[in-house]
Protein backbone atom coordinates (compact mmCIF):
# COMPACT_ATOMS: atom_id res chain seq x y z
CA MET A 1 0.00 0.00 0.00
CA ASN A 2 1.30 3.42 -0.94
CA VAL A 3 0.47 6.22 1.47
CA GLN A 4 1.21 9.85 0.83
CA GLN A 5 0.47 12.99 2.75
CA LEU A 6 -0.09 16.11 0.69
CA PHE A 7 -0.52 19.63 1.98
CA ALA A 8 -2.11 21.49 -0.89
CA PRO A 9 -2.41 25.27 -0.68
CA ALA A 10 -5.90 25.61 -2.13
CA ALA A 11 -7.98 28.54 -0.95
CA THR A 12 -11.11 27.62 -2.92
CA ALA A 13 -12.87 24.46 -4.07
CA ASP A 14 -12.05 25.35 -7.69
CA ARG A 15 -8.37 25.28 -6.78
CA ALA A 16 -8.70 22.10 -4.72
CA LEU A 17 -10.35 20.07 -7.48
CA PRO A 18 -7.21 19.75 -9.67
CA TYR A 19 -5.28 18.31 -6.71
CA LEU A 20 -7.98 15.69 -6.18
CA ALA A 21 -8.16 14.91 -9.90
CA GLY A 22 -4.38 14.51 -9.97
CA LEU A 23 -4.47 11.99 -7.14
CA ALA A 24 -7.15 10.01 -8.97
CA ALA A 25 -5.08 10.18 -12.18
CA GLN A 26 -2.18 8.64 -10.23
CA HIS A 27 -4.48 5.67 -9.51
CA CYS A 28 -4.90 6.36 -5.80
CA ASP A 29 -7.46 3.93 -4.40
CA LEU A 30 -8.40 6.06 -1.41
CA VAL A 31 -8.13 9.83 -1.00
CA VAL A 32 -8.80 11.26 2.46
CA THR A 33 -9.32 15.00 2.76
CA VAL A 34 -9.37 17.30 5.74
CA GLY A 35 -10.76 20.80 5.69
CA PRO A 36 -13.72 22.57 4.19
CA THR A 37 -11.98 23.67 0.97
CA PHE A 38 -11.32 20.11 -0.15
CA GLY A 39 -14.63 18.96 1.27
CA GLN A 40 -16.39 21.36 -1.07
CA ALA A 41 -14.53 19.89 -4.07
CA LEU A 42 -15.10 16.24 -3.15
CA ASN A 43 -18.52 15.76 -4.73
CA ALA A 44 -17.27 16.84 -8.17
CA ALA A 45 -14.07 14.79 -7.77
CA ALA A 46 -16.01 11.68 -6.76
CA LYS A 47 -18.38 11.96 -9.71
CA ALA A 48 -15.52 12.42 -12.17
CA ASN A 49 -13.42 9.58 -10.69
CA PRO A 50 -15.71 6.68 -9.75
CA HIS A 51 -12.82 4.22 -9.29
CA THR A 52 -11.28 6.27 -6.48
CA ALA A 53 -12.79 6.25 -2.99
CA PHE A 54 -12.97 9.73 -1.51
CA VAL A 55 -13.53 10.28 2.21
CA ALA A 56 -13.83 13.59 4.03
CA VAL A 57 -12.73 13.93 7.64
CA THR A 58 -15.26 16.35 9.08
CA THR A 59 -15.22 18.63 12.06
CA GLU A 60 -18.17 18.85 14.38
CA GLY A 61 -20.23 21.92 13.62
CA LEU A 62 -19.13 22.17 9.99
CA PRO A 63 -21.29 20.86 7.16
CA ALA A 64 -20.30 17.52 5.66
CA PRO A 65 -19.71 17.44 1.90
CA ALA A 66 -22.66 16.10 -0.07
CA GLY A 67 -22.36 12.86 -1.99
CA VAL A 68 -19.23 11.44 -0.35
CA ASP A 69 -18.42 9.32 2.68
CA THR A 70 -17.49 11.22 5.80
CA VAL A 71 -15.67 10.35 8.99
CA SER A 72 -16.40 12.22 12.19
CA GLY A 73 -15.91 11.85 15.92
CA ASN A 74 -12.87 12.37 18.07
CA ASN A 75 -9.38 12.13 16.56
CA THR A 76 -8.90 8.53 17.71
CA ASP A 77 -12.18 7.48 16.10
CA LYS A 78 -11.30 9.30 12.88
CA ALA A 79 -7.88 7.69 12.65
CA ALA A 80 -9.26 4.22 13.36
CA GLU A 81 -11.96 4.55 10.69
CA ILE A 82 -9.52 5.80 8.03
CA ARG A 83 -7.17 2.91 8.85
CA ARG A 84 -10.07 0.44 8.60
CA ARG A 85 -11.06 1.79 5.20
CA ALA A 86 -7.49 1.67 3.91
CA LEU A 87 -7.06 -1.94 5.07
CA ALA A 88 -10.35 -2.91 3.40
CA LEU A 89 -9.01 -1.92 -0.03
CA PRO A 90 -8.17 -4.81 -2.35
CA ALA A 91 -4.52 -5.83 -2.45
CA PRO A 92 -2.57 -4.45 -5.42
CA GLY A 93 -3.05 -6.54 -8.55
CA ARG A 94 -6.43 -7.95 -7.52
């Protein structure tokens, strides 16, 4: 499994979308986003890239992005759920 952490300086959803599209183009199986800017771009990215799983880590009190899976709760719960989803992905080559 290949894991990368990317800090993308996107101030708007329009600027965040190319980053998400680029990750899908690199054949990432799972893209996890944090923050409202990327959350706003996730619905469009998910529709355009159906073979990539997109998940938004949400913060209590902020709206969850429409049309994508979200993970909420305390930091321990969020980390455990993201790990579970990553481990549930098919092994490379299958």
